[in-house]
PDB file of N, CA and C in Angstrom:
ATOM      1  N   MET A   1      33.218  45.985 -61.536  1.00  0.00           N
ATOM      2  CA  MET A   1      31.860  46.345 -61.039  1.00  0.00           C
ATOM      3  C   MET A   1      31.552  47.573 -62.295  1.00  0.00           C
ATOM      4  N   ARG A   2      30.892  47.777 -62.934  1.00  0.00           N
ATOM      5  CA  ARG A   2      30.650  50.131 -63.841  1.00  0.00           C
ATOM      6  C   ARG A   2      30.064  50.377 -62.893  1.00  0.00           C
ATOM      7  N   ASP A   3      30.562  51.599 -63.728  1.00  0.00           N
ATOM      8  CA  ASP A   3      29.750  52.726 -62.290  1.00  0.00           C
ATOM      9  C   ASP A   3      28.649  53.085 -63.234  1.00  0.00           C
ATOM     10  N   GLY A   4      28.285  54.465 -62.408  1.00  0.00           N
ATOM     11  CA  GLY A   4      26.930  54.988 -62.660  1.00  0.00           C
ATOM     12  C   GLY A   4      26.613  55.715 -64.220  1.00  0.00           C
ATOM     13  N   ARG A   5      28.733  56.045 -64.370  1.00  0.00           N
ATOM     14  CA  ARG A   5      28.617  57.046 -65.498  1.00  0.00           C
ATOM     15  C   ARG A   5      28.357  56.103 -66.591  1.00  0.00           C
ATOM     16  N   GLU A   6      29.531  54.751 -66.475  1.00  0.00           N
ATOM     17  CA  GLU A   6      29.788  54.490 -67.560  1.00  0.00           C
ATOM     18  C   GLU A   6      28.520  53.272 -68.653  1.00  0.00           C
ATOM     19  N   ARG A   7      27.627  52.855 -66.886  1.00  0.00           N
ATOM     20  CA  ARG A   7      25.762  52.429 -67.550  1.00  0.00           C
ATOM     21  C   ARG A   7      25.240  53.878 -68.041  1.00  0.00           C
ATOM     22  N   ARG A   8      25.496  55.299 -67.748  1.00  0.00           N
ATOM     23  CA  ARG A   8      24.449  56.250 -68.549  1.00  0.00           C
ATOM     24  C   ARG A   8      24.999  56.352 -69.339  1.00  0.00           C
ATOM     25  N   LEU A   9      26.430  55.697 -70.077  1.00  0.00           N
ATOM     26  CA  LEU A   9      26.757  56.175 -71.708  1.00  0.00           C
ATOM     27  C   LEU A   9      26.159  55.211 -71.802  1.00  0.00           C
ATOM     28  N   GLU A  10      26.742  54.098 -71.415  1.00  0.00           N
ATOM     29  CA  GLU A  10      26.356  52.963 -72.577  1.00  0.00           C
ATOM     30  C   GLU A  10      24.761  53.232 -72.791  1.00  0.00           C
ATOM     31  N   ARG A  11      23.423  53.514 -72.018  1.00  0.00           N
ATOM     32  CA  ARG A  11      22.236  53.854 -72.078  1.00  0.00           C
ATOM     33  C   ARG A  11      22.221  55.312 -73.059  1.00  0.00           C
ATOM     34  N   ALA A  12      22.809  55.966 -73.345  1.00  0.00           N
ATOM     35  CA  ALA A  12      22.665  57.018 -74.420  1.00  0.00           C
ATOM     36  C   ALA A  12      23.493  56.782 -75.708  1.00  0.00           C
ATOM     37  N   LEU A  13      24.335  55.153 -75.858  1.00  0.00           N
ATOM     38  CA  LEU A  13      24.607  55.612 -76.796  1.00  0.00           C
ATOM     39  C   LEU A  13      23.287  54.499 -77.098  1.00  0.00           C
ATOM     40  N   PHE A  14      23.194  53.751 -76.519  1.00  0.00           N
ATOM     41  CA  PHE A  14      21.983  52.349 -76.922  1.00  0.00           C
ATOM     42  C   PHE A  14      20.644  53.439 -77.401  1.00  0.00           C
ATOM     43  N   ALA A  15      20.210  54.665 -76.857  1.00  0.00           N
ATOM     44  CA  ALA A  15      18.524  54.824 -77.475  1.00  0.00           C
ATOM     45  C   ALA A  15      19.837  56.234 -79.314  1.00  0.00           C
ATOM     46  N   ILE A  16      20.636  56.248 -78.947  1.00  0.00           N
ATOM     47  CA  ILE A  16      21.555  56.253 -80.405  1.00  0.00           C
ATOM     48  C   ILE A  16      20.801  55.181 -81.431  1.00  0.00           C
ATOM     49  N   PHE A  17      21.210  54.433 -81.229  1.00  0.00           N
ATOM     50  CA  PHE A  17      20.816  53.099 -81.596  1.00  0.00           C
ATOM     51  C   PHE A  17      20.195  52.712 -82.394  1.00  0.00           C
ATOM     52  N   VAL A  18      18.871  53.063 -81.084  1.00  0.00           N
ATOM     53  CA  VAL A  18      17.605  52.610 -81.414  1.00  0.00           C
ATOM     54  C   VAL A  18      17.291  54.510 -82.738  1.00  0.00           C
ATOM     55  N   GLU A  19      16.935  55.013 -81.946  1.00  0.00           N
ATOM     56  CA  GLU A  19      17.302  56.548 -83.461  1.00  0.00           C
ATOM     57  C   GLU A  19      17.005  55.962 -84.422  1.00  0.00           C
ATOM     58  N   ALA A  20      18.250  55.439 -84.936  1.00  0.00           N
ATOM     59  CA  ALA A  20      19.169  55.019 -86.237  1.00  0.00           C
ATOM     60  C   ALA A  20      18.677  53.923 -86.957  1.00  0.00           C
ATOM     61  N   ALA A  21      18.282  53.215 -85.770  1.00  0.00           N
ATOM     62  CA  ALA A  21      18.235  51.996 -86.460  1.00  0.00           C
ATOM     63  C   ALA A  21      16.013  51.742 -87.006  1.00  0.00           C
ATOM     64  N   GLY A  22      15.824  51.924 -85.650  1.00  0.00           N
ATOM     65  CA  GLY A  22      13.977  52.470 -85.742  1.00  0.00           C
ATOM     66  C   GLY A  22      14.083  53.275 -86.493  1.00  0.00           C
ATOM     67  N   ALA A  23      14.769  54.554 -87.523  1.00  0.00           N
ATOM     68  CA  ALA A  23      14.313  54.519 -88.756  1.00  0.00           C
ATOM     69  C   ALA A  23      14.447  54.880 -89.748  1.00  0.00           C
ATOM     70  N   LEU A  24      15.294  53.225 -90.052  1.00  0.00           N
ATOM     71  CA  LEU A  24      16.377  52.866 -90.876  1.00  0.00           C
ATOM     72  C   LEU A  24      14.557  52.018 -91.276  1.00  0.00           C
ATOM     73  N   ILE A  25      14.071  51.631 -89.936  1.00  0.00           N
ATOM     74  CA  ILE A  25      12.801  49.548 -90.180  1.00  0.00           C
ATOM     75  C   ILE A  25      11.579  50.722 -89.903  1.00  0.00           C
ATOM     76  N   GLY A  26      11.810  52.157 -89.418  1.00  0.00           N
ATOM     77  CA  GLY A  26      10.342  52.707 -89.969  1.00  0.00           C
ATOM     78  C   GLY A  26      10.241  52.768 -91.744  1.00  0.00           C
ATOM     79  N   GLN A  27      11.220  52.714 -92.071  1.00  0.00           N
ATOM     80  CA  GLN A  27      11.309  52.762 -93.497  1.00  0.00           C
ATOM     81  C   GLN A  27      11.046  51.752 -94.314  1.00  0.00           C
ATOM     82  N   LEU A  28      11.550  50.770 -93.874  1.00  0.00           N
ATOM     83  CA  LEU A  28      11.101  49.603 -95.016  1.00  0.00           C
ATOM     84  C   LEU A  28       9.966  49.086 -94.283  1.00  0.00           C
ATOM     85  N   VAL A  29       8.844  49.370 -92.842  1.00  0.00           N
ATOM     86  CA  VAL A  29       7.997  49.576 -92.498  1.00  0.00           C
ATOM     87  C   VAL A  29       6.644  50.197 -93.470  1.00  0.00           C
ATOM     88  N   ALA A  30       7.084  51.287 -93.442  1.00  0.00           N
ATOM     89  CA  ALA A  30       6.338  52.269 -94.062  1.00  0.00           C
ATOM     90  C   ALA A  30       6.209  51.953 -96.345  1.00  0.00           C
ATOM     91  N   ALA A  31       7.443  51.090 -96.653  1.00  0.00           N
ATOM     92  CA  ALA A  31       7.965  50.811 -97.086  1.00  0.00           C
ATOM     93  C   ALA A  31       6.517  49.493 -98.153  1.00  0.00           C
ATOM     94  N   GLY A  32       5.945  48.667 -97.200  1.00  0.00           N
ATOM     95  CA  GLY A  32       4.881  47.660 -96.581  1.00  0.00           C
ATOM     96  C   GLY A  32       6.050  46.348 -96.343  1.00  0.00           C
ATOM     97  N   ILE A  33       7.064  46.641 -95.458  1.00  0.00           N
ATOM     98  CA  ILE A  33       7.251  44.992 -95.281  1.00  0.00           C
ATOM     99  C   ILE A  33       8.048  45.793 -93.907  1.00  0.00           C
ATOM    100  N   ASP A  34       6.863  44.845 -93.674  1.00  0.00           N
ATOM    101  CA  ASP A  34       6.743  44.553 -91.945  1.00  0.00           C
ATOM    102  C   ASP A  34       6.585  43.453 -90.812  1.00  0.00           C
ATOM    103  N   ASP A  35       7.425  42.104 -91.685  1.00  0.00           N
ATOM    104  CA  ASP A  35       7.649  41.348 -91.875  1.00  0.00           C
ATOM    105  C   ASP A  35       9.275  41.206 -90.800  1.00  0.00           C
ATOM    106  N   PRO A  36       8.621  41.462 -89.450  1.00  0.00           N
ATOM    107  CA  PRO A  36      10.711  41.213 -88.875  1.00  0.00           C
ATOM    108  C   PRO A  36      11.679  40.646 -89.207  1.00  0.00           C
ATOM    109  N   ALA A  37      11.547  39.064 -90.249  1.00  0.00           N
ATOM    110  CA  ALA A  37      12.893  38.120 -90.172  1.00  0.00           C
ATOM    111  C   ALA A  37      12.584  38.365 -91.692  1.00  0.00           C
ATOM    112  N   ASP A  38      11.772  39.370 -92.286  1.00  0.00           N
ATOM    113  CA  ASP A  38      11.990  39.366 -93.441  1.00  0.00           C
ATOM    114  C   ASP A  38      13.205  41.189 -93.155  1.00  0.00           C
ATOM    115  N   ILE A  39      12.607  42.168 -92.260  1.00  0.00           N
ATOM    116  CA  ILE A  39      12.937  43.545 -91.874  1.00  0.00           C
ATOM    117  C   ILE A  39      14.825  43.136 -91.761  1.00  0.00           C
ATOM    118  N   ALA A  40      15.195  42.224 -90.767  1.00  0.00           N
ATOM    119  CA  ALA A  40      16.189  40.948 -90.234  1.00  0.00           C
ATOM    120  C   ALA A  40      17.317  41.138 -91.358  1.00  0.00           C
ATOM    121  N   ARG A  41      16.802  39.996 -92.696  1.00  0.00           N
ATOM    122  CA  ARG A  41      17.203  40.172 -94.110  1.00  0.00           C
ATOM    123  C   ARG A  41      17.795  41.500 -94.138  1.00  0.00           C
ATOM    124  N   ARG A  42      16.719  42.184 -94.709  1.00  0.00           N
ATOM    125  CA  ARG A  42      17.874  43.036 -94.920  1.00  0.00           C
ATOM    126  C   ARG A  42      18.100  43.792 -94.707  1.00  0.00           C
ATOM    127  N   LEU A  43      18.685  44.436 -93.822  1.00  0.00           N
ATOM    128  CA  LEU A  43      19.773  44.750 -93.176  1.00  0.00           C
ATOM    129  C   LEU A  43      20.461  44.551 -92.850  1.00  0.00           C
ATOM    130  N   ASN A  44      20.647  42.801 -92.656  1.00  0.00           N
ATOM    131  CA  ASN A  44      22.076  42.171 -92.860  1.00  0.00           C
ATOM    132  C   ASN A  44      22.681  42.230 -94.116  1.00  0.00           C
ATOM    133  N   ARG A  45      21.532  41.486 -95.015  1.00  0.00           N
ATOM    134  CA  ARG A  45      22.185  42.285 -96.297  1.00  0.00           C
ATOM    135  C   ARG A  45      22.489  43.803 -96.504  1.00  0.00           C
ATOM    136  N   ARG A  46      22.423  44.925 -95.827  1.00  0.00           N
ATOM    137  CA  ARG A  46      22.780  46.074 -96.307  1.00  0.00           C
ATOM    138  C   ARG A  46      24.101  47.030 -95.665  1.00  0.00           C
ATOM    139  N   GLY A  47      24.446  46.076 -94.567  1.00  0.00           N
ATOM    140  CA  GLY A  47      25.550  45.728 -92.908  1.00  0.00           C
ATOM    141  C   GLY A  47      25.473  46.118 -92.537  1.00  0.00           C
ATOM    142  N   PHE A  48      23.625  46.858 -91.548  1.00  0.00           N
ATOM    143  CA  PHE A  48      23.671  47.808 -90.958  1.00  0.00           C
ATOM    144  C   PHE A  48      23.639  46.905 -90.028  1.00  0.00           C
ATOM    145  N   PRO A  49      25.067  47.251 -88.818  1.00  0.00           N
ATOM    146  CA  PRO A  49      24.606  46.906 -87.416  1.00  0.00           C
ATOM    147  C   PRO A  49      24.281  46.392 -86.537  1.00  0.00           C
ATOM    148  N   CYS A  50      23.667  45.182 -85.914  1.00  0.00           N
ATOM    149  CA  CYS A  50      22.917  45.001 -84.352  1.00  0.00           C
ATOM    150  C   CYS A  50      24.034  45.650 -83.970  1.00  0.00           C
ATOM    151  N   TRP A  51      22.851  46.231 -82.281  1.00  0.00           N
ATOM    152  CA  TRP A  51      23.669  45.897 -81.014  1.00  0.00           C
ATOM    153  C   TRP A  51      24.102  45.291 -80.370  1.00  0.00           C
ATOM    154  N   GLY A  52      25.124  44.245 -80.110  1.00  0.00           N
ATOM    155  CA  GLY A  52      25.640  43.433 -79.160  1.00  0.00           C
ATOM    156  C   GLY A  52      24.881  42.492 -79.902  1.00  0.00           C
ATOM    157  N   ARG A  53      25.015  41.794 -81.174  1.00  0.00           N
ATOM    158  CA  ARG A  53      24.750  40.815 -81.537  1.00  0.00           C
ATOM    159  C   ARG A  53      25.855  40.536 -83.069  1.00  0.00           C
ATOM    160  N   PRO A  54      26.051  40.138 -83.810  1.00  0.00           N
ATOM    161  CA  PRO A  54      26.209  39.858 -84.704  1.00  0.00           C
ATOM    162  C   PRO A  54      25.856  40.345 -86.721  1.00  0.00           C
ATOM    163  N   ARG A  55      24.936  39.634 -85.971  1.00  0.00           N
ATOM    164  CA  ARG A  55      23.836  39.879 -87.253  1.00  0.00           C
ATOM    165  C   ARG A  55      22.138  40.403 -86.246  1.00  0.00           C
ATOM    166  N   TRP A  56      21.717  40.907 -87.434  1.00  0.00           N
ATOM    167  CA  TRP A  56      20.245  40.881 -86.743  1.00  0.00           C
ATOM    168  C   TRP A  56      19.401  39.713 -86.496  1.00  0.00           C
ATOM    169  N   SER A  57      18.006  40.115 -85.860  1.00  0.00           N
ATOM    170  CA  SER A  57      16.779  38.448 -85.888  1.00  0.00           C
ATOM    171  C   SER A  57      15.378  39.774 -85.953  1.00  0.00           C
ATOM    172  N   ALA A  58      14.802  38.684 -86.158  1.00  0.00           N
ATOM    173  CA  ALA A  58      13.369  38.686 -86.017  1.00  0.00           C
ATOM    174  C   ALA A  58      13.246  39.667 -83.888  1.00  0.00           C
ATOM    175  N   GLY A  59      14.068  39.031 -83.912  1.00  0.00           N
ATOM    176  CA  GLY A  59      13.715  39.471 -82.032  1.00  0.00           C
ATOM    177  C   GLY A  59      14.269  40.782 -81.769  1.00  0.00           C
ATOM    178  N   ALA A  60      15.628  40.893 -82.506  1.00  0.00           N
ATOM    179  CA  ALA A  60      16.305  42.157 -82.797  1.00  0.00           C
ATOM    180  C   ALA A  60      15.221  43.391 -83.264  1.00  0.00           C
ATOM    181  N   VAL A  61      14.791  42.945 -83.991  1.00  0.00           N
ATOM    182  CA  VAL A  61      14.195  43.905 -85.125  1.00  0.00           C
ATOM    183  C   VAL A  61      12.909  44.559 -83.747  1.00  0.00           C
ATOM    184  N   SER A  62      11.633  43.225 -83.511  1.00  0.00           N
ATOM    185  CA  SER A  62      10.960  43.738 -82.785  1.00  0.00           C
ATOM    186  C   SER A  62      11.576  44.270 -81.741  1.00  0.00           C
ATOM    187  N   MET A  63      12.397  44.512 -81.001  1.00  0.00           N
ATOM    188  CA  MET A  63      13.066  44.934 -80.216  1.00  0.00           C
ATOM    189  C   MET A  63      13.476  47.198 -79.899  1.00  0.00           C
ATOM    190  N   VAL A  64      14.001  46.920 -80.762  1.00  0.00           N
ATOM    191  CA  VAL A  64      14.284  48.039 -81.307  1.00  0.00           C
ATOM    192  C   VAL A  64      12.894  48.525 -81.766  1.00  0.00           C
ATOM    193  N   LEU A  65      11.989  48.244 -82.132  1.00  0.00           N
ATOM    194  CA  LEU A  65       9.975  48.699 -82.651  1.00  0.00           C
ATOM    195  C   LEU A  65       9.861  49.043 -81.414  1.00  0.00           C
ATOM    196  N   ARG A  66       9.808  48.222 -80.388  1.00  0.00           N
ATOM    197  CA  ARG A  66       9.657  48.494 -79.007  1.00  0.00           C
ATOM    198  C   ARG A  66      10.033  49.466 -77.963  1.00  0.00           C
ATOM    199  N   ARG A  67      11.160  48.998 -78.047  1.00  0.00           N
ATOM    200  CA  ARG A  67      12.153  50.322 -77.805  1.00  0.00           C
ATOM    201  C   ARG A  67      12.286  51.791 -78.602  1.00  0.00           C
ATOM    202  N   LYS A  68      11.752  51.947 -79.542  1.00  0.00           N
ATOM    203  CA  LYS A  68      11.755  53.103 -79.897  1.00  0.00           C
ATOM    204  C   LYS A  68      10.217  53.755 -79.287  1.00  0.00           C
ATOM    205  N   ALA A  69       8.968  52.672 -79.542  1.00  0.00           N
ATOM    206  CA  ALA A  69       8.169  53.148 -79.317  1.00  0.00           C
ATOM    207  C   ALA A  69       8.245  53.066 -77.327  1.00  0.00           C
ATOM    208  N   TRP A  70       9.129  53.332 -76.864  1.00  0.00           N
ATOM    209  CA  TRP A  70       8.922  53.765 -75.518  1.00  0.00           C
ATOM    210  C   TRP A  70       9.544  55.039 -75.408  1.00  0.00           C
ATOM    211  N   LEU A  71      10.758  55.193 -76.374  1.00  0.00           N
ATOM    212  CA  LEU A  71      11.424  56.267 -76.630  1.00  0.00           C
ATOM    213  C   LEU A  71      10.590  57.790 -76.089  1.00  0.00           C
ATOM    214  N   ASP A  72       9.634  56.811 -77.805  1.00  0.00           N
ATOM    215  CA  ASP A  72       8.763  57.675 -78.226  1.00  0.00           C
ATOM    216  C   ASP A  72       8.084  58.404 -77.468  1.00  0.00           C
ATOM    217  N   ALA A  73       7.677  57.799 -76.898  1.00  0.00           N
ATOM    218  CA  ALA A  73       6.360  57.618 -75.838  1.00  0.00           C
ATOM    219  C   ALA A  73       6.771  58.094 -74.267  1.00  0.00           C
ATOM    220  N   ARG A  74       8.031  58.928 -74.026  1.00  0.00           N
ATOM    221  CA  ARG A  74       8.381  59.602 -73.118  1.00  0.00           C
ATOM    222  C   ARG A  74       8.919  60.705 -72.954  1.00  0.00           C
ATOM    223  N   ALA A  75       8.782  61.201 -75.381  1.00  0.00           N
ATOM    224  CA  ALA A  75       9.070  62.526 -75.144  1.00  0.00           C
ATOM    225  C   ALA A  75       8.689  63.672 -75.233  1.00  0.00           C
TER     226      ALA A  75
END
């Protein structure tokens, strides 16, 4: 079983991932691309890694957008 330090480190790394992926996804949304499946295809073509998955999916894009909004609200 993992200890608290490992969990905190994993959460911190995930927050960094969400910020980076959220920034890129935000640029695509600002450019008028708002379909999560289209965003996922573009991220996969660019080779941007997805957290814990081999490829981006529409669900992963939506999750990052939700998590980024949640993190932004907490700041």
